[in-house]
Amino acid sequence: MNSEPAKIGVFVCQCGKNVGGVVDTEKVADAVKDSPNVVLSKVHPHLCSYEGLSVIQNDIEEHGIDRLVVAACTPKMHEKTFRDAAVGAGLNPHCLDIANIR
């Protein structure tokens, strides 16, 4: 078992206007950025897009993220998408939590 503190990355999706038109996503990301073990907190317009998934994967690698929180659509829609992206960046797929903010 690793005794190093977790390195948590938080990604908040605007989901276009579906979430971004109702939720202040910047405020959400800002609210958690200083939480214990959070090394990165950012907003993206469409995390489930190729570009969004690339951002997640690049940030996992660049920041050594070993825990991932995605605030986006329901896990029913994109849980597999985000788990696959996490695995593609070398993260354990069970180290992902999805918060449904849609």
N, C-alpha and C. Protein backbone atom coordinates (compact mmCIF):
# COMPACT_ATOMS: atom_id res chain seq x y z
N MET A 1 0.84 -1.18 0.00
CA MET A 1 0.00 0.00 0.00
C MET A 1 0.88 1.24 0.00
N ASN A 2 0.52 2.22 -0.77
CA ASN A 2 1.27 3.46 -0.90
C ASN A 2 1.00 4.36 0.29
N SER A 3 2.07 4.86 0.93
CA SER A 3 1.89 5.75 2.09
C SER A 3 1.92 7.22 1.70
N GLU A 4 2.11 7.49 0.43
CA GLU A 4 2.09 8.88 -0.05
C GLU A 4 0.66 9.42 0.00
N PRO A 5 0.52 10.72 0.27
CA PRO A 5 -0.83 11.28 0.23
C PRO A 5 -1.41 11.22 -1.19
N ALA A 6 -2.71 11.08 -1.26
CA ALA A 6 -3.39 11.05 -2.55
C ALA A 6 -3.18 12.37 -3.28
N LYS A 7 -3.17 12.29 -4.61
CA LYS A 7 -3.12 13.48 -5.46
C LYS A 7 -4.41 13.47 -6.27
N ILE A 8 -5.32 14.34 -5.87
CA ILE A 8 -6.66 14.34 -6.45
C ILE A 8 -6.78 15.41 -7.53
N GLY A 9 -7.32 15.00 -8.67
CA GLY A 9 -7.65 15.93 -9.74
C GLY A 9 -9.16 16.04 -9.85
N VAL A 10 -9.65 17.28 -9.86
CA VAL A 10 -11.09 17.53 -9.96
C VAL A 10 -11.35 18.23 -11.29
N PHE A 11 -12.25 17.66 -12.06
CA PHE A 11 -12.60 18.20 -13.37
C PHE A 11 -14.10 18.46 -13.39
N VAL A 12 -14.47 19.69 -13.68
CA VAL A 12 -15.87 20.10 -13.70
C VAL A 12 -16.26 20.38 -15.15
N CYS A 13 -17.29 19.69 -15.62
CA CYS A 13 -17.73 19.85 -17.00
C CYS A 13 -18.88 20.83 -17.10
N GLN A 14 -18.79 21.73 -18.06
CA GLN A 14 -19.89 22.65 -18.31
C GLN A 14 -20.99 21.99 -19.13
N CYS A 15 -20.66 20.94 -19.84
CA CYS A 15 -21.62 20.23 -20.68
C CYS A 15 -22.41 21.24 -21.52
N GLY A 16 -21.65 22.15 -22.11
CA GLY A 16 -22.28 23.23 -22.86
C GLY A 16 -23.17 24.04 -21.94
N LYS A 17 -24.37 24.29 -22.38
CA LYS A 17 -25.33 25.03 -21.55
C LYS A 17 -26.14 24.11 -20.63
N ASN A 18 -26.02 22.78 -20.83
CA ASN A 18 -26.78 21.85 -20.00
C ASN A 18 -26.42 22.00 -18.53
N VAL A 19 -25.15 22.14 -18.23
CA VAL A 19 -24.70 22.38 -16.87
C VAL A 19 -24.26 23.83 -16.73
N GLY A 20 -23.44 24.30 -17.66
CA GLY A 20 -22.87 25.64 -17.58
C GLY A 20 -23.90 26.75 -17.60
N GLY A 21 -25.09 26.48 -18.13
CA GLY A 21 -26.14 27.49 -18.14
C GLY A 21 -26.89 27.59 -16.82
N VAL A 22 -26.66 26.61 -15.93
CA VAL A 22 -27.39 26.56 -14.68
C VAL A 22 -26.46 26.62 -13.47
N VAL A 23 -25.30 25.98 -13.59
CA VAL A 23 -24.35 25.87 -12.48
C VAL A 23 -23.15 26.77 -12.77
N ASP A 24 -22.71 27.49 -11.76
CA ASP A 24 -21.48 28.29 -11.89
C ASP A 24 -20.31 27.33 -11.71
N THR A 25 -19.89 26.73 -12.81
CA THR A 25 -18.86 25.69 -12.77
C THR A 25 -17.52 26.22 -12.28
N GLU A 26 -17.20 27.46 -12.60
CA GLU A 26 -15.95 28.06 -12.11
C GLU A 26 -15.97 28.13 -10.58
N LYS A 27 -17.13 28.47 -10.03
CA LYS A 27 -17.27 28.56 -8.58
C LYS A 27 -17.12 27.19 -7.93
N VAL A 28 -17.67 26.17 -8.59
CA VAL A 28 -17.54 24.80 -8.09
C VAL A 28 -16.06 24.39 -8.05
N ALA A 29 -15.36 24.60 -9.16
CA ALA A 29 -13.95 24.23 -9.24
C ALA A 29 -13.13 25.02 -8.22
N ASP A 30 -13.45 26.29 -8.06
CA ASP A 30 -12.73 27.14 -7.11
C ASP A 30 -12.98 26.70 -5.67
N ALA A 31 -14.20 26.25 -5.39
CA ALA A 31 -14.57 25.84 -4.03
C ALA A 31 -13.77 24.64 -3.53
N VAL A 32 -13.32 23.79 -4.44
CA VAL A 32 -12.61 22.57 -4.01
C VAL A 32 -11.10 22.63 -4.20
N LYS A 33 -10.60 23.68 -4.85
CA LYS A 33 -9.18 23.71 -5.21
C LYS A 33 -8.23 23.67 -4.02
N ASP A 34 -8.67 24.15 -2.87
CA ASP A 34 -7.81 24.15 -1.69
C ASP A 34 -8.15 23.03 -0.71
N SER A 35 -8.98 22.08 -1.15
CA SER A 35 -9.31 20.93 -0.31
C SER A 35 -8.10 20.04 -0.14
N PRO A 36 -8.04 19.29 0.96
CA PRO A 36 -6.88 18.43 1.19
C PRO A 36 -6.62 17.49 0.01
N ASN A 37 -5.38 17.42 -0.40
CA ASN A 37 -4.89 16.52 -1.44
C ASN A 37 -5.31 16.87 -2.86
N VAL A 38 -6.06 17.94 -3.06
CA VAL A 38 -6.42 18.35 -4.41
C VAL A 38 -5.24 19.08 -5.02
N VAL A 39 -4.71 18.52 -6.10
CA VAL A 39 -3.55 19.13 -6.77
C VAL A 39 -3.97 19.90 -8.02
N LEU A 40 -5.21 19.69 -8.47
CA LEU A 40 -5.68 20.36 -9.68
C LEU A 40 -7.20 20.38 -9.66
N SER A 41 -7.76 21.55 -10.00
CA SER A 41 -9.20 21.69 -10.12
C SER A 41 -9.46 22.61 -11.30
N LYS A 42 -10.17 22.08 -12.30
CA LYS A 42 -10.39 22.89 -13.50
C LYS A 42 -11.73 22.61 -14.14
N VAL A 43 -12.13 23.56 -14.98
CA VAL A 43 -13.39 23.49 -15.72
C VAL A 43 -13.08 23.26 -17.19
N HIS A 44 -13.93 22.47 -17.84
CA HIS A 44 -13.79 22.25 -19.28
C HIS A 44 -15.19 22.29 -19.89
N PRO A 45 -15.33 22.81 -21.11
CA PRO A 45 -16.67 22.91 -21.71
C PRO A 45 -17.33 21.56 -22.02
N HIS A 46 -16.55 20.55 -22.41
CA HIS A 46 -17.10 19.24 -22.76
C HIS A 46 -16.07 18.16 -22.42
N LEU A 47 -16.07 17.68 -21.19
CA LEU A 47 -15.08 16.69 -20.78
C LEU A 47 -15.20 15.37 -21.52
N CYS A 48 -16.39 15.02 -21.99
CA CYS A 48 -16.57 13.73 -22.65
C CYS A 48 -16.09 13.76 -24.11
N SER A 49 -15.72 14.93 -24.60
CA SER A 49 -15.22 15.04 -25.98
C SER A 49 -13.78 14.51 -26.04
N TYR A 50 -13.32 14.26 -27.24
CA TYR A 50 -11.93 13.81 -27.42
C TYR A 50 -10.97 14.79 -26.75
N GLU A 51 -11.19 16.08 -26.97
CA GLU A 51 -10.31 17.09 -26.38
C GLU A 51 -10.38 17.06 -24.85
N GLY A 52 -11.59 16.96 -24.31
CA GLY A 52 -11.75 16.91 -22.86
C GLY A 52 -11.08 15.70 -22.24
N LEU A 53 -11.25 14.55 -22.86
CA LEU A 53 -10.61 13.33 -22.36
C LEU A 53 -9.10 13.43 -22.45
N SER A 54 -8.60 14.07 -23.50
CA SER A 54 -7.15 14.28 -23.63
C SER A 54 -6.63 15.18 -22.52
N VAL A 55 -7.40 16.21 -22.17
CA VAL A 55 -7.01 17.10 -21.07
C VAL A 55 -6.90 16.30 -19.78
N ILE A 56 -7.90 15.47 -19.50
CA ILE A 56 -7.87 14.65 -18.29
C ILE A 56 -6.63 13.75 -18.28
N GLN A 57 -6.40 13.05 -19.38
CA GLN A 57 -5.27 12.12 -19.45
C GLN A 57 -3.93 12.86 -19.30
N ASN A 58 -3.79 13.96 -19.98
CA ASN A 58 -2.54 14.73 -19.89
C ASN A 58 -2.32 15.24 -18.47
N ASP A 59 -3.37 15.71 -17.83
CA ASP A 59 -3.23 16.23 -16.46
C ASP A 59 -2.93 15.12 -15.46
N ILE A 60 -3.49 13.93 -15.66
CA ILE A 60 -3.17 12.79 -14.80
C ILE A 60 -1.67 12.54 -14.86
N GLU A 61 -1.14 12.49 -16.05
CA GLU A 61 0.28 12.21 -16.23
C GLU A 61 1.15 13.37 -15.74
N GLU A 62 0.80 14.59 -16.11
CA GLU A 62 1.62 15.76 -15.77
C GLU A 62 1.66 16.05 -14.27
N HIS A 63 0.53 15.86 -13.58
CA HIS A 63 0.46 16.22 -12.16
C HIS A 63 0.55 15.01 -11.24
N GLY A 64 0.72 13.83 -11.80
CA GLY A 64 0.82 12.62 -10.97
C GLY A 64 -0.47 12.31 -10.23
N ILE A 65 -1.59 12.67 -10.83
CA ILE A 65 -2.89 12.45 -10.20
C ILE A 65 -3.14 10.96 -10.05
N ASP A 66 -3.56 10.55 -8.82
CA ASP A 66 -3.88 9.15 -8.61
C ASP A 66 -5.31 8.93 -8.11
N ARG A 67 -6.05 10.02 -8.01
CA ARG A 67 -7.48 9.97 -7.70
C ARG A 67 -8.15 11.01 -8.59
N LEU A 68 -9.30 10.66 -9.13
CA LEU A 68 -9.95 11.52 -10.11
C LEU A 68 -11.41 11.73 -9.73
N VAL A 69 -11.83 13.00 -9.72
CA VAL A 69 -13.23 13.35 -9.50
C VAL A 69 -13.70 14.11 -10.73
N VAL A 70 -14.77 13.63 -11.34
CA VAL A 70 -15.35 14.29 -12.50
C VAL A 70 -16.77 14.71 -12.11
N ALA A 71 -17.02 16.02 -12.16
CA ALA A 71 -18.36 16.55 -11.92
C ALA A 71 -18.94 16.85 -13.30
N ALA A 72 -19.95 16.08 -13.68
CA ALA A 72 -20.46 16.15 -15.05
C ALA A 72 -21.85 15.55 -15.12
N CYS A 73 -22.15 14.95 -16.27
CA CYS A 73 -23.43 14.27 -16.48
C CYS A 73 -23.51 13.02 -15.62
N THR A 74 -24.67 12.44 -15.60
CA THR A 74 -24.88 11.21 -14.84
C THR A 74 -23.88 10.12 -15.26
N PRO A 75 -23.44 9.33 -14.30
CA PRO A 75 -22.53 8.23 -14.65
C PRO A 75 -23.15 7.26 -15.66
N LYS A 76 -24.47 7.20 -15.72
CA LYS A 76 -25.12 6.33 -16.70
C LYS A 76 -24.72 6.70 -18.12
N MET A 77 -24.44 7.98 -18.34
CA MET A 77 -24.09 8.44 -19.69
C MET A 77 -22.61 8.23 -20.01
N HIS A 78 -21.72 8.55 -19.05
CA HIS A 78 -20.30 8.62 -19.42
C HIS A 78 -19.33 7.95 -18.45
N GLU A 79 -19.83 7.13 -17.53
CA GLU A 79 -18.90 6.48 -16.60
C GLU A 79 -17.84 5.67 -17.34
N LYS A 80 -18.25 4.87 -18.31
CA LYS A 80 -17.28 4.06 -19.05
C LYS A 80 -16.29 4.96 -19.80
N THR A 81 -16.78 6.04 -20.37
CA THR A 81 -15.91 6.97 -21.09
C THR A 81 -14.81 7.50 -20.18
N PHE A 82 -15.17 7.95 -18.98
CA PHE A 82 -14.19 8.51 -18.06
C PHE A 82 -13.28 7.44 -17.46
N ARG A 83 -13.83 6.26 -17.19
CA ARG A 83 -12.99 5.16 -16.67
C ARG A 83 -11.96 4.74 -17.72
N ASP A 84 -12.39 4.64 -18.97
CA ASP A 84 -11.45 4.29 -20.04
C ASP A 84 -10.35 5.32 -20.18
N ALA A 85 -10.70 6.59 -20.06
CA ALA A 85 -9.69 7.66 -20.15
C ALA A 85 -8.72 7.56 -18.98
N ALA A 86 -9.23 7.27 -17.79
CA ALA A 86 -8.36 7.12 -16.61
C ALA A 86 -7.39 5.96 -16.81
N VAL A 87 -7.90 4.84 -17.26
CA VAL A 87 -7.05 3.67 -17.50
C VAL A 87 -6.01 3.99 -18.57
N GLY A 88 -6.42 4.70 -19.61
CA GLY A 88 -5.50 5.08 -20.68
C GLY A 88 -4.34 5.93 -20.20
N ALA A 89 -4.55 6.62 -19.07
CA ALA A 89 -3.47 7.45 -18.50
C ALA A 89 -2.74 6.72 -17.37
N GLY A 90 -3.09 5.43 -17.16
CA GLY A 90 -2.38 4.64 -16.16
C GLY A 90 -3.01 4.67 -14.77
N LEU A 91 -4.21 5.20 -14.65
CA LEU A 91 -4.88 5.30 -13.35
C LEU A 91 -5.74 4.06 -13.12
N ASN A 92 -5.80 3.61 -11.90
CA ASN A 92 -6.70 2.53 -11.53
C ASN A 92 -8.13 3.01 -11.80
N PRO A 93 -8.93 2.25 -12.54
CA PRO A 93 -10.28 2.71 -12.89
C PRO A 93 -11.19 2.89 -11.68
N HIS A 94 -10.84 2.28 -10.56
CA HIS A 94 -11.66 2.39 -9.35
C HIS A 94 -11.28 3.62 -8.52
N CYS A 95 -10.34 4.39 -9.01
CA CYS A 95 -9.94 5.63 -8.33
C CYS A 95 -10.61 6.84 -8.97
N LEU A 96 -11.77 6.61 -9.56
CA LEU A 96 -12.57 7.64 -10.20
C LEU A 96 -13.92 7.74 -9.52
N ASP A 97 -14.32 8.96 -9.18
CA ASP A 97 -15.68 9.23 -8.69
C ASP A 97 -16.31 10.23 -9.64
N ILE A 98 -17.59 10.01 -9.92
CA ILE A 98 -18.32 10.92 -10.79
C ILE A 98 -19.45 11.56 -9.96
N ALA A 99 -19.46 12.88 -9.96
CA ALA A 99 -20.54 13.61 -9.30
C ALA A 99 -21.50 14.09 -10.38
N ASN A 100 -22.74 13.69 -10.28
CA ASN A 100 -23.76 14.09 -11.26
C ASN A 100 -24.21 15.51 -10.92
N ILE A 101 -23.77 16.49 -11.72
CA ILE A 101 -24.21 17.87 -11.49
C ILE A 101 -25.16 18.34 -12.59
N ARG A 102 -25.58 17.44 -13.42
CA ARG A 102 -26.52 17.79 -14.49
C ARG A 102 -27.89 17.72 -13.94
